[in-house]
């Protein structure tokens, strides 16, 4: 994964090999003197993968269900977990919705895999609206 940082060293974007660009303005935050580890699983998940946390303590990631289909999730600092699927995401094993980055406003960037196993970028707003950005396939760029 290629990471892009600004002049002050803050991560502003990360690019996966498939071409997904996840734009996030994430500032570094000092850890408390005694950090707390909280274990959790997304509802109905066989595996939960945490990939990003913002300053408010909101976490974004993906989980795999019993059929091997991936779903995005957001976990509020209060512990409430909301799972989501991007429109057009396939429900076959190994495909689905993958969340990669959450910014300070709570917007999540990621990608989903459609039924033809083509990747598409998306952004999910803090209110839950998902906007797609087309295919990340080199053949369709």
Protein backbone atom coordinates (compact mmCIF):
# COMPACT_ATOMS: atom_id res chain seq x y z
CA UNK A 1 0.00 0.00 0.00
CA UNK A 2 1.37 3.41 -0.98
CA UNK A 3 0.90 6.14 1.64
CA UNK A 4 0.83 9.86 0.90
CA UNK A 5 1.64 12.28 3.72
CA UNK A 6 1.54 16.07 3.84
CA UNK A 7 4.42 18.34 4.90
CA UNK A 8 3.63 17.89 8.61
CA UNK A 9 3.68 14.11 8.29
CA UNK A 10 -0.09 13.53 8.46
CA UNK A 11 -1.50 10.72 6.34
CA UNK A 12 -3.78 12.21 3.71
CA UNK A 13 -4.23 9.28 1.34
CA UNK A 14 -3.50 5.61 0.93
CA UNK A 15 -3.51 3.78 -2.38
CA UNK A 16 -3.97 0.04 -2.76
CA UNK A 17 -2.50 -1.86 -5.67
CA UNK A 18 -5.97 -2.18 -7.27
CA UNK A 19 -6.16 1.59 -7.67
CA UNK A 20 -8.47 2.54 -4.80
CA UNK A 21 -7.70 5.95 -3.42
CA UNK A 22 -8.85 6.46 0.17
CA UNK A 23 -8.69 10.14 1.01
CA UNK A 24 -8.49 10.86 4.70
CA UNK A 25 -7.05 13.70 6.70
CA UNK A 26 -5.89 11.89 9.80
CA UNK A 27 -3.93 13.71 12.45
CA UNK A 28 -1.70 11.88 14.86
CA UNK A 29 -3.05 11.80 18.39
CA UNK A 30 -1.08 11.11 21.54
CA UNK A 31 -2.14 7.95 23.33
CA UNK A 32 -3.42 8.25 26.88
CA UNK A 33 -1.00 7.19 29.62
CA UNK A 34 -2.99 3.97 30.12
CA UNK A 35 -4.62 3.01 26.79
CA UNK A 36 -7.60 0.65 26.99
CA UNK A 37 -7.95 -2.39 24.74
CA UNK A 38 -11.54 -3.26 23.85
CA UNK A 39 -12.32 -6.52 22.06
CA UNK A 40 -15.36 -6.69 19.79
CA UNK A 41 -16.79 -8.46 16.77
CA UNK A 42 -19.19 -7.03 14.21
CA UNK A 43 -22.66 -8.64 14.56
CA UNK A 44 -22.84 -12.01 12.77
CA UNK A 45 -19.18 -11.87 11.78
CA UNK A 46 -16.84 -14.83 11.50
CA UNK A 47 -13.92 -12.38 11.37
CA UNK A 48 -13.65 -8.65 12.04
CA UNK A 49 -10.86 -6.52 10.54
CA UNK A 50 -10.18 -3.05 11.96
CA UNK A 51 -8.39 -0.75 9.54
CA UNK A 52 -8.87 2.87 10.63
CA UNK A 53 -9.73 4.95 13.68
CA UNK A 54 -10.33 8.68 13.86
CA UNK A 55 -9.71 11.17 16.69
CA UNK A 56 -13.26 10.68 18.02
CA UNK A 57 -12.56 6.96 18.51
CA UNK A 58 -14.84 5.88 15.64
CA UNK A 59 -13.51 2.75 13.94
CA UNK A 60 -13.99 1.59 10.34
CA UNK A 61 -13.30 -1.85 8.98
CA UNK A 62 -14.72 -4.92 7.33
CA UNK A 63 -16.03 -8.25 8.52
CA UNK A 64 -16.56 -11.61 6.88
CA UNK A 65 -19.78 -13.53 7.41
CA UNK A 66 -20.19 -17.33 7.55
CA UNK A 67 -20.38 -17.45 3.72
CA UNK A 68 -17.10 -15.58 3.29
CA UNK A 69 -18.80 -12.38 2.06
CA UNK A 70 -17.32 -9.10 3.31
CA UNK A 71 -19.29 -6.18 4.76
CA UNK A 72 -18.14 -2.76 5.87
CA UNK A 73 -18.75 -1.58 9.41
CA UNK A 74 -18.39 1.52 11.55
CA UNK A 75 -18.09 1.31 15.35
CA UNK A 76 -18.93 4.48 17.27
CA UNK A 77 -16.83 5.35 20.33
CA UNK A 78 -19.92 4.42 22.39
CA UNK A 79 -19.67 0.84 21.07
CA UNK A 80 -22.59 0.89 18.61
CA UNK A 81 -21.68 -1.08 15.47
CA UNK A 82 -23.35 -0.43 12.12
CA UNK A 83 -22.65 -2.76 9.21
CA UNK A 84 -23.19 -1.70 5.61
CA UNK A 85 -22.89 -2.91 2.03
CA UNK A 86 -22.16 -0.67 -0.93
CA UNK A 87 -24.88 -0.80 -3.61
CA UNK A 88 -23.73 -3.27 -6.28
CA UNK A 89 -21.46 -5.26 -3.95
CA UNK A 90 -21.48 -8.97 -4.71
CA UNK A 91 -22.67 -11.50 -2.16
CA UNK A 92 -20.40 -14.34 -3.31
CA UNK A 93 -17.52 -15.70 -1.25
CA UNK A 94 -14.47 -13.42 -1.25
CA UNK A 95 -16.37 -10.40 -2.57
CA UNK A 96 -18.32 -7.63 -0.88
CA UNK A 97 -17.61 -4.26 0.76
CA UNK A 98 -14.22 -3.25 2.17
CA UNK A 99 -13.84 -0.11 4.32
CA UNK A 100 -10.31 1.32 4.47
CA UNK A 101 -10.25 4.76 6.02
CA UNK A 102 -12.36 7.02 8.25
CA UNK A 103 -11.72 10.75 8.47
CA UNK A 104 -12.41 13.22 11.29
CA UNK A 105 -15.92 13.90 9.91
CA UNK A 106 -16.79 10.18 10.01
CA UNK A 107 -16.73 9.66 6.23
CA UNK A 108 -15.44 6.22 5.22
CA UNK A 109 -13.56 5.49 1.99
CA UNK A 110 -13.22 2.01 0.57
CA UNK A 111 -14.09 -0.24 -2.31
CA UNK A 112 -16.52 -3.00 -3.18
CA UNK A 113 -16.26 -5.99 -5.49
CA UNK A 114 -19.15 -6.56 -7.90
CA UNK A 115 -20.49 -9.85 -9.33
CA UNK A 116 -17.87 -9.72 -12.13
CA UNK A 117 -15.12 -9.30 -9.49
CA UNK A 118 -14.42 -5.73 -10.58
CA UNK A 119 -13.43 -3.25 -7.85
CA UNK A 120 -15.31 0.04 -7.44
CA UNK A 121 -14.44 2.90 -5.06
CA UNK A 122 -16.97 4.40 -2.64
CA UNK A 123 -17.30 6.98 0.09
CA UNK A 124 -19.84 6.51 2.88
CA UNK A 125 -20.86 9.74 4.62
CA UNK A 126 -21.20 9.88 8.40
CA UNK A 127 -24.98 9.82 7.89
CA UNK A 128 -24.75 6.57 5.89
CA UNK A 129 -25.13 7.77 2.30
CA UNK A 130 -22.85 5.77 -0.03
CA UNK A 131 -21.51 7.34 -3.23
CA UNK A 132 -19.69 5.20 -5.80
CA UNK A 133 -16.92 6.29 -8.14
CA UNK A 134 -16.95 3.68 -10.88
CA UNK A 135 -14.55 0.90 -11.68
CA UNK A 136 -10.95 0.61 -10.51
CA UNK A 137 -10.21 -1.96 -13.19
CA UNK A 138 -7.27 -1.02 -15.43
CA UNK A 139 -9.25 -2.27 -18.42
CA UNK A 140 -12.07 0.20 -17.78
CA UNK A 141 -9.99 3.24 -16.78
